[in-house]
Every structure is written in C-alpha cells, then in structure tokens.
Amino acid sequence: MINLLMGVYWFDEALQSAVKAAGWPPVTRAQSLLFANISAGEVRPIRLAANLGVSRQAVSQMIVELEARGLLKTEPDPQDRRARIVSFAESSTPLRNAAGAVLRDLEAELRRRIGDDAVAGLATALSADWGSPPDVAAPKSR
C-alpha cells in the first residue's frame, strides 16, 4: 500500500509544483484531494470528510475557504434540506483545465518512465472492482 500512496504523492507534488509555477494560487494536499473527490462525484461534506479521514468540521472549514477563493460553491441538498452539496464554482474552470492538462502530461511522463504496459496494468488494477473493504483481523496487542 505504501507504493500506492507514494504514487498519489508523486502526482500531487508534481501537480502542485506545475500549477504554482504557472502562477495559480497554491492549494494544500488536503484541498487537492478534496478537489479529486469532488471531481469523482462526491458532493456531500460528510462523505468528503470520511474519504479524507478528517472531521466534518475540517472539511467545512476547507469548503468555506475555497468558496471565498471562488473555487467551490455550496447549495442546498435537494435530498436533505438540512444538508448542503458542494460543487465547483464556474470561476474554477481555468484552474481545473490547467490541472487536467498537467495530469495528462504527468501520465505521459509516467508512460515514458515505466512504460505503456506498466501504466496500462496499473490503470486496469486500480479501476477494477475491489469490492467492499474486508474485515481482516490484526494481531492482538500485548
């Protein structure tokens, strides 16, 4: 699993460096992962918090900050009037387009470094249905 995590860091560090060099305002790794989750279709703050492994309050604080920067917007959740849903603000489109271009370039660079077959195998493995996380017993503490 550490190799998978290091791969996420490789992409995120390169993405952060590229957008910063292009003059875009910086975002933290947590904010970057929040954007990735929203891009993947997760829109409820409670689910975003669970996916990021942080509190609902921490996600709410991130959302407020990113809303103030014009990158996110919130609206009432049509399925739960007490809740809100998060989406990208229209003004975030140029940054999202820049990030998408960088990620495509990073994938091309990864293909050059480790080969087309390795990247294809990685894509196949990561997009496979892994099922629900299993219950695995850890060794008892002493």
N, C-alpha and C. Protein backbone atom coordinates (compact mmCIF):
# COMPACT_ATOMS: atom_id res chain seq x y z
N MET A 1 0.81 -1.18 0.00
CA MET A 1 0.00 0.00 0.00
C MET A 1 0.86 1.26 0.00
N ILE A 2 2.03 1.21 0.59
CA ILE A 2 2.87 2.40 0.64
C ILE A 2 3.23 2.86 -0.78
N ASN A 3 3.40 1.91 -1.70
CA ASN A 3 3.73 2.29 -3.07
C ASN A 3 2.56 3.03 -3.74
N LEU A 4 1.35 2.62 -3.45
CA LEU A 4 0.18 3.30 -3.98
C LEU A 4 0.12 4.72 -3.43
N LEU A 5 0.35 4.87 -2.14
CA LEU A 5 0.37 6.18 -1.51
C LEU A 5 1.48 7.06 -2.09
N MET A 6 2.65 6.49 -2.30
CA MET A 6 3.75 7.26 -2.88
C MET A 6 3.41 7.71 -4.30
N GLY A 7 2.67 6.90 -5.03
CA GLY A 7 2.22 7.29 -6.37
C GLY A 7 1.28 8.48 -6.31
N VAL A 8 0.39 8.49 -5.35
CA VAL A 8 -0.52 9.63 -5.16
C VAL A 8 0.30 10.88 -4.85
N TYR A 9 1.28 10.74 -3.95
CA TYR A 9 2.13 11.88 -3.61
C TYR A 9 2.91 12.37 -4.83
N TRP A 10 3.42 11.45 -5.65
CA TRP A 10 4.18 11.81 -6.85
C TRP A 10 3.33 12.69 -7.76
N PHE A 11 2.10 12.24 -8.02
CA PHE A 11 1.20 13.03 -8.87
C PHE A 11 0.87 14.37 -8.22
N ASP A 12 0.52 14.36 -6.94
CA ASP A 12 0.10 15.59 -6.28
C ASP A 12 1.23 16.59 -6.19
N GLU A 13 2.44 16.15 -5.83
CA GLU A 13 3.57 17.08 -5.73
C GLU A 13 3.90 17.70 -7.07
N ALA A 14 3.87 16.89 -8.14
CA ALA A 14 4.14 17.41 -9.47
C ALA A 14 3.04 18.37 -9.91
N LEU A 15 1.79 18.03 -9.63
CA LEU A 15 0.67 18.89 -9.97
C LEU A 15 0.78 20.22 -9.23
N GLN A 16 1.02 20.16 -7.93
CA GLN A 16 1.14 21.38 -7.12
C GLN A 16 2.27 22.26 -7.64
N SER A 17 3.40 21.66 -7.95
CA SER A 17 4.55 22.41 -8.44
C SER A 17 4.24 23.09 -9.78
N ALA A 18 3.59 22.37 -10.68
CA ALA A 18 3.29 22.91 -12.01
C ALA A 18 2.30 24.07 -11.94
N VAL A 19 1.23 23.91 -11.16
CA VAL A 19 0.24 24.99 -11.12
C VAL A 19 0.80 26.21 -10.38
N LYS A 20 1.64 25.97 -9.38
CA LYS A 20 2.27 27.09 -8.68
C LYS A 20 3.22 27.84 -9.63
N ALA A 21 4.01 27.09 -10.40
CA ALA A 21 4.93 27.70 -11.35
C ALA A 21 4.19 28.50 -12.43
N ALA A 22 2.97 28.11 -12.74
CA ALA A 22 2.16 28.81 -13.74
C ALA A 22 1.43 30.01 -13.15
N GLY A 23 1.62 30.25 -11.85
CA GLY A 23 1.04 31.43 -11.23
C GLY A 23 -0.30 31.23 -10.56
N TRP A 24 -0.78 30.00 -10.49
CA TRP A 24 -2.05 29.74 -9.82
C TRP A 24 -1.84 29.78 -8.31
N PRO A 25 -2.85 30.22 -7.56
CA PRO A 25 -2.72 30.22 -6.10
C PRO A 25 -2.53 28.79 -5.58
N PRO A 26 -1.68 28.63 -4.59
CA PRO A 26 -1.42 27.28 -4.08
C PRO A 26 -2.62 26.70 -3.34
N VAL A 27 -2.68 25.38 -3.34
CA VAL A 27 -3.64 24.65 -2.52
C VAL A 27 -2.87 23.62 -1.72
N THR A 28 -3.42 23.23 -0.60
CA THR A 28 -2.78 22.21 0.22
C THR A 28 -3.06 20.82 -0.37
N ARG A 29 -2.35 19.82 0.10
CA ARG A 29 -2.61 18.45 -0.36
C ARG A 29 -4.04 18.05 0.00
N ALA A 30 -4.50 18.42 1.19
CA ALA A 30 -5.87 18.08 1.58
C ALA A 30 -6.87 18.73 0.64
N GLN A 31 -6.63 19.99 0.25
CA GLN A 31 -7.52 20.66 -0.69
C GLN A 31 -7.47 19.98 -2.06
N SER A 32 -6.29 19.59 -2.47
CA SER A 32 -6.13 18.89 -3.74
C SER A 32 -6.92 17.58 -3.73
N LEU A 33 -6.84 16.84 -2.62
CA LEU A 33 -7.59 15.59 -2.50
C LEU A 33 -9.09 15.84 -2.42
N LEU A 34 -9.48 16.96 -1.81
CA LEU A 34 -10.89 17.35 -1.80
C LEU A 34 -11.38 17.57 -3.23
N PHE A 35 -10.59 18.29 -4.04
CA PHE A 35 -10.94 18.51 -5.44
C PHE A 35 -11.06 17.19 -6.18
N ALA A 36 -10.14 16.27 -5.93
CA ALA A 36 -10.19 14.97 -6.61
C ALA A 36 -11.48 14.23 -6.27
N ASN A 37 -11.88 14.28 -5.01
CA ASN A 37 -13.12 13.62 -4.59
C ASN A 37 -14.34 14.26 -5.24
N ILE A 38 -14.36 15.58 -5.31
CA ILE A 38 -15.48 16.26 -5.96
C ILE A 38 -15.50 15.92 -7.44
N SER A 39 -14.32 15.89 -8.07
CA SER A 39 -14.24 15.50 -9.49
C SER A 39 -14.77 14.09 -9.71
N ALA A 40 -14.59 13.23 -8.72
CA ALA A 40 -15.05 11.85 -8.83
C ALA A 40 -16.55 11.72 -8.50
N GLY A 41 -17.20 12.84 -8.17
CA GLY A 41 -18.64 12.80 -7.95
C GLY A 41 -19.10 12.84 -6.51
N GLU A 42 -18.18 12.94 -5.57
CA GLU A 42 -18.58 13.02 -4.16
C GLU A 42 -18.94 14.47 -3.85
N VAL A 43 -20.15 14.73 -3.40
CA VAL A 43 -20.61 16.11 -3.22
C VAL A 43 -21.09 16.44 -1.81
N ARG A 44 -21.23 15.45 -0.97
CA ARG A 44 -21.73 15.69 0.38
C ARG A 44 -20.55 15.84 1.35
N PRO A 45 -20.53 16.93 2.12
CA PRO A 45 -19.41 17.16 3.04
C PRO A 45 -19.12 15.99 3.98
N ILE A 46 -20.15 15.31 4.46
CA ILE A 46 -19.92 14.20 5.38
C ILE A 46 -19.14 13.07 4.69
N ARG A 47 -19.43 12.81 3.42
CA ARG A 47 -18.71 11.78 2.66
C ARG A 47 -17.30 12.26 2.30
N LEU A 48 -17.17 13.54 1.99
CA LEU A 48 -15.85 14.10 1.71
C LEU A 48 -14.95 13.95 2.93
N ALA A 49 -15.50 14.26 4.11
CA ALA A 49 -14.73 14.13 5.35
C ALA A 49 -14.32 12.68 5.57
N ALA A 50 -15.24 11.75 5.36
CA ALA A 50 -14.92 10.33 5.55
C ALA A 50 -13.83 9.89 4.58
N ASN A 51 -13.94 10.30 3.32
CA ASN A 51 -12.94 9.90 2.32
C ASN A 51 -11.56 10.47 2.64
N LEU A 52 -11.52 11.67 3.19
CA LEU A 52 -10.24 12.30 3.51
C LEU A 52 -9.72 11.91 4.89
N GLY A 53 -10.57 11.26 5.69
CA GLY A 53 -10.15 10.85 7.02
C GLY A 53 -9.99 12.01 7.98
N VAL A 54 -10.85 13.04 7.79
CA VAL A 54 -10.81 14.20 8.67
C VAL A 54 -12.22 14.45 9.20
N SER A 55 -12.32 15.39 10.12
CA SER A 55 -13.62 15.69 10.71
C SER A 55 -14.50 16.46 9.73
N ARG A 56 -15.78 16.41 9.97
CA ARG A 56 -16.74 17.19 9.17
C ARG A 56 -16.42 18.67 9.29
N GLN A 57 -16.00 19.09 10.49
CA GLN A 57 -15.65 20.49 10.71
C GLN A 57 -14.44 20.90 9.88
N ALA A 58 -13.44 20.03 9.76
CA ALA A 58 -12.26 20.34 8.96
C ALA A 58 -12.63 20.50 7.49
N VAL A 59 -13.51 19.63 6.99
CA VAL A 59 -13.95 19.74 5.60
C VAL A 59 -14.76 21.01 5.42
N SER A 60 -15.63 21.32 6.38
CA SER A 60 -16.42 22.54 6.29
C SER A 60 -15.52 23.77 6.22
N GLN A 61 -14.47 23.77 7.01
CA GLN A 61 -13.52 24.90 7.00
C GLN A 61 -12.83 25.00 5.64
N MET A 62 -12.42 23.86 5.07
CA MET A 62 -11.81 23.87 3.75
C MET A 62 -12.77 24.41 2.70
N ILE A 63 -14.02 23.95 2.78
CA ILE A 63 -15.03 24.38 1.81
C ILE A 63 -15.26 25.88 1.90
N VAL A 64 -15.37 26.41 3.11
CA VAL A 64 -15.58 27.85 3.30
C VAL A 64 -14.41 28.63 2.69
N GLU A 65 -13.20 28.18 2.96
CA GLU A 65 -12.00 28.86 2.43
C GLU A 65 -11.98 28.81 0.90
N LEU A 66 -12.29 27.66 0.34
CA LEU A 66 -12.25 27.52 -1.12
C LEU A 66 -13.43 28.22 -1.79
N GLU A 67 -14.54 28.36 -1.07
CA GLU A 67 -15.66 29.16 -1.57
C GLU A 67 -15.25 30.63 -1.62
N ALA A 68 -14.57 31.11 -0.59
CA ALA A 68 -14.12 32.50 -0.54
C ALA A 68 -13.13 32.80 -1.67
N ARG A 69 -12.39 31.79 -2.08
CA ARG A 69 -11.44 31.95 -3.18
C ARG A 69 -12.10 31.78 -4.55
N GLY A 70 -13.40 31.47 -4.56
CA GLY A 70 -14.12 31.34 -5.81
C GLY A 70 -13.91 30.02 -6.52
N LEU A 71 -13.46 28.99 -5.79
CA LEU A 71 -13.18 27.70 -6.41
C LEU A 71 -14.32 26.70 -6.22
N LEU A 72 -15.06 26.83 -5.11
CA LEU A 72 -16.17 25.93 -4.83
C LEU A 72 -17.43 26.74 -4.58
N LYS A 73 -18.56 26.06 -4.66
CA LYS A 73 -19.84 26.65 -4.27
C LYS A 73 -20.63 25.57 -3.53
N THR A 74 -21.52 26.01 -2.67
CA THR A 74 -22.41 25.08 -1.97
C THR A 74 -23.84 25.50 -2.26
N GLU A 75 -24.70 24.49 -2.26
CA GLU A 75 -26.13 24.70 -2.49
C GLU A 75 -26.90 23.75 -1.59
N PRO A 76 -28.16 24.04 -1.34
CA PRO A 76 -28.96 23.10 -0.55
C PRO A 76 -29.02 21.74 -1.24
N ASP A 77 -28.95 20.70 -0.42
CA ASP A 77 -29.06 19.34 -0.93
C ASP A 77 -30.53 19.05 -1.22
N PRO A 78 -30.88 18.75 -2.48
CA PRO A 78 -32.29 18.51 -2.79
C PRO A 78 -32.86 17.26 -2.10
N GLN A 79 -31.98 16.36 -1.64
CA GLN A 79 -32.45 15.14 -0.97
C GLN A 79 -32.53 15.28 0.54
N ASP A 80 -31.90 16.34 1.09
CA ASP A 80 -31.89 16.55 2.53
C ASP A 80 -31.80 18.05 2.79
N ARG A 81 -32.90 18.67 3.14
CA ARG A 81 -32.94 20.12 3.29
C ARG A 81 -32.01 20.64 4.38
N ARG A 82 -31.60 19.78 5.29
CA ARG A 82 -30.68 20.21 6.36
C ARG A 82 -29.24 20.24 5.88
N ALA A 83 -28.96 19.59 4.75
CA ALA A 83 -27.58 19.44 4.28
C ALA A 83 -27.31 20.33 3.06
N ARG A 84 -26.04 20.41 2.71
CA ARG A 84 -25.61 21.16 1.54
C ARG A 84 -24.78 20.24 0.65
N ILE A 85 -24.74 20.56 -0.62
CA ILE A 85 -23.87 19.83 -1.54
C ILE A 85 -22.80 20.79 -2.07
N VAL A 86 -21.67 20.23 -2.41
CA VAL A 86 -20.52 21.00 -2.84
C VAL A 86 -20.27 20.73 -4.32
N SER A 87 -19.94 21.78 -5.06
CA SER A 87 -19.55 21.62 -6.46
C SER A 87 -18.53 22.70 -6.80
N PHE A 88 -17.98 22.57 -8.00
CA PHE A 88 -17.01 23.56 -8.44
C PHE A 88 -17.72 24.84 -8.87
N ALA A 89 -17.17 25.97 -8.50
CA ALA A 89 -17.67 27.25 -8.97
C ALA A 89 -17.25 27.42 -10.43
N GLU A 90 -18.05 28.12 -11.18
CA GLU A 90 -17.74 28.36 -12.59
C GLU A 90 -16.36 29.02 -12.73
N SER A 91 -16.02 29.89 -11.79
CA SER A 91 -14.73 30.59 -11.86
C SER A 91 -13.53 29.67 -11.66
N SER A 92 -13.77 28.43 -11.24
CA SER A 92 -12.66 27.48 -11.06
C SER A 92 -12.29 26.76 -12.36
N THR A 93 -13.07 26.97 -13.41
CA THR A 93 -12.85 26.24 -14.67
C THR A 93 -11.43 26.41 -15.22
N PRO A 94 -10.87 27.61 -15.29
CA PRO A 94 -9.49 27.72 -15.81
C PRO A 94 -8.47 26.92 -14.99
N LEU A 95 -8.58 26.96 -13.68
CA LEU A 95 -7.66 26.19 -12.83
C LEU A 95 -7.87 24.70 -13.04
N ARG A 96 -9.13 24.26 -13.11
CA ARG A 96 -9.39 22.83 -13.33
C ARG A 96 -8.88 22.38 -14.68
N ASN A 97 -9.02 23.22 -15.70
CA ASN A 97 -8.48 22.88 -17.02
C ASN A 97 -6.96 22.78 -16.98
N ALA A 98 -6.33 23.72 -16.28
CA ALA A 98 -4.87 23.68 -16.15
C ALA A 98 -4.43 22.41 -15.42
N ALA A 99 -5.13 22.06 -14.35
CA ALA A 99 -4.79 20.85 -13.60
C ALA A 99 -4.99 19.60 -14.45
N GLY A 100 -6.05 19.57 -15.23
CA GLY A 100 -6.29 18.43 -16.12
C GLY A 100 -5.18 18.28 -17.14
N ALA A 101 -4.72 19.39 -17.71
CA ALA A 101 -3.62 19.33 -18.68
C ALA A 101 -2.34 18.82 -18.01
N VAL A 102 -2.07 19.29 -16.80
CA VAL A 102 -0.88 18.83 -16.07
C VAL A 102 -0.99 17.33 -15.79
N LEU A 103 -2.15 16.87 -15.36
CA LEU A 103 -2.31 15.45 -15.05
C LEU A 103 -2.14 14.59 -16.31
N ARG A 104 -2.62 15.05 -17.45
CA ARG A 104 -2.40 14.31 -18.70
C ARG A 104 -0.91 14.25 -19.03
N ASP A 105 -0.21 15.37 -18.84
CA ASP A 105 1.23 15.40 -19.09
C ASP A 105 1.98 14.48 -18.11
N LEU A 106 1.52 14.45 -16.87
CA LEU A 106 2.16 13.57 -15.88
C LEU A 106 1.97 12.10 -16.25
N GLU A 107 0.78 11.76 -16.72
CA GLU A 107 0.55 10.38 -17.14
C GLU A 107 1.46 10.03 -18.33
N ALA A 108 1.62 10.96 -19.27
CA ALA A 108 2.51 10.73 -20.40
C ALA A 108 3.95 10.55 -19.92
N GLU A 109 4.35 11.35 -18.94
CA GLU A 109 5.71 11.22 -18.38
C GLU A 109 5.86 9.88 -17.67
N LEU A 110 4.84 9.46 -16.95
CA LEU A 110 4.89 8.16 -16.29
C LEU A 110 5.03 7.04 -17.32
N ARG A 111 4.32 7.16 -18.44
CA ARG A 111 4.44 6.17 -19.52
C ARG A 111 5.87 6.12 -20.05
N ARG A 112 6.50 7.27 -20.20
CA ARG A 112 7.90 7.31 -20.66
C ARG A 112 8.83 6.64 -19.65
N ARG A 113 8.54 6.86 -18.37
CA ARG A 113 9.44 6.36 -17.32
C ARG A 113 9.27 4.86 -17.06
N ILE A 114 8.03 4.38 -17.00
CA ILE A 114 7.85 2.97 -16.62
C ILE A 114 7.25 2.12 -17.74
N GLY A 115 6.85 2.76 -18.84
CA GLY A 115 6.36 2.00 -19.99
C GLY A 115 4.85 1.95 -20.08
N ASP A 116 4.39 1.83 -21.32
CA ASP A 116 2.95 1.77 -21.59
C ASP A 116 2.29 0.57 -20.92
N ASP A 117 2.94 -0.59 -20.97
CA ASP A 117 2.33 -1.79 -20.40
C ASP A 117 2.15 -1.67 -18.88
N ALA A 118 3.15 -1.09 -18.20
CA ALA A 118 3.05 -0.93 -16.75
C ALA A 118 1.93 0.04 -16.38
N VAL A 119 1.82 1.14 -17.14
CA VAL A 119 0.76 2.11 -16.85
C VAL A 119 -0.60 1.50 -17.14
N ALA A 120 -0.70 0.75 -18.23
CA ALA A 120 -1.97 0.09 -18.56
C ALA A 120 -2.35 -0.92 -17.47
N GLY A 121 -1.38 -1.68 -17.00
CA GLY A 121 -1.65 -2.64 -15.92
C GLY A 121 -2.07 -1.95 -14.64
N LEU A 122 -1.42 -0.85 -14.34
CA LEU A 122 -1.78 -0.07 -13.16
C LEU A 122 -3.20 0.46 -13.29
N ALA A 123 -3.54 1.00 -14.45
CA ALA A 123 -4.89 1.53 -14.68
C ALA A 123 -5.93 0.42 -14.56
N THR A 124 -5.63 -0.74 -15.10
CA THR A 124 -6.56 -1.87 -15.02
C THR A 124 -6.77 -2.29 -13.57
N ALA A 125 -5.68 -2.41 -12.83
CA ALA A 125 -5.78 -2.85 -11.44
C ALA A 125 -6.53 -1.84 -10.58
N LEU A 126 -6.26 -0.56 -10.79
CA LEU A 126 -6.88 0.46 -9.95
C LEU A 126 -8.34 0.69 -10.30
N SER A 127 -8.73 0.40 -11.54
CA SER A 127 -10.13 0.61 -11.93
C SER A 127 -10.99 -0.64 -11.75
N ALA A 128 -10.37 -1.74 -11.35
CA ALA A 128 -11.12 -2.97 -11.10
C ALA A 128 -12.01 -2.81 -9.86
N ASP A 129 -13.09 -3.57 -9.80
CA ASP A 129 -13.96 -3.55 -8.63
C ASP A 129 -13.30 -4.38 -7.53
N TRP A 130 -12.79 -3.71 -6.53
CA TRP A 130 -12.12 -4.38 -5.43
C TRP A 130 -13.11 -4.89 -4.40
N GLY A 131 -14.37 -4.53 -4.53
CA GLY A 131 -15.37 -4.91 -3.55
C GLY A 131 -15.26 -4.05 -2.30
N SER A 132 -16.08 -4.35 -1.33
CA SER A 132 -16.04 -3.61 -0.06
C SER A 132 -14.77 -3.95 0.70
N PRO A 133 -14.27 -3.02 1.49
CA PRO A 133 -13.09 -3.34 2.30
C PRO A 133 -13.37 -4.55 3.19
N PRO A 134 -12.45 -5.51 3.21
CA PRO A 134 -12.68 -6.72 4.02
C PRO A 134 -12.41 -6.46 5.50
N ASP A 135 -12.99 -7.31 6.32
CA ASP A 135 -12.67 -7.31 7.74
C ASP A 135 -11.51 -8.27 7.94
N VAL A 136 -10.36 -7.74 8.25
CA VAL A 136 -9.16 -8.54 8.45
C VAL A 136 -8.72 -8.36 9.90
N ALA A 137 -8.44 -9.45 10.58
CA ALA A 137 -8.06 -9.38 11.98
C ALA A 137 -6.59 -8.97 12.09
N ALA A 138 -6.34 -8.01 12.94
CA ALA A 138 -4.97 -7.60 13.23
C ALA A 138 -4.47 -8.44 14.40
N PRO A 139 -3.16 -8.63 14.48
CA PRO A 139 -2.62 -9.34 15.65
C PRO A 139 -3.00 -8.58 16.94
N LYS A 140 -3.28 -9.31 17.98
CA LYS A 140 -3.66 -8.72 19.27
C LYS A 140 -2.51 -7.92 19.84
N SER A 141 -2.85 -6.80 20.51
CA SER A 141 -1.80 -6.02 21.18
C SER A 141 -1.36 -6.78 22.41
N ARG A 142 -0.19 -6.47 22.86
CA ARG A 142 0.35 -7.20 24.01
C ARG A 142 -0.08 -6.62 25.30
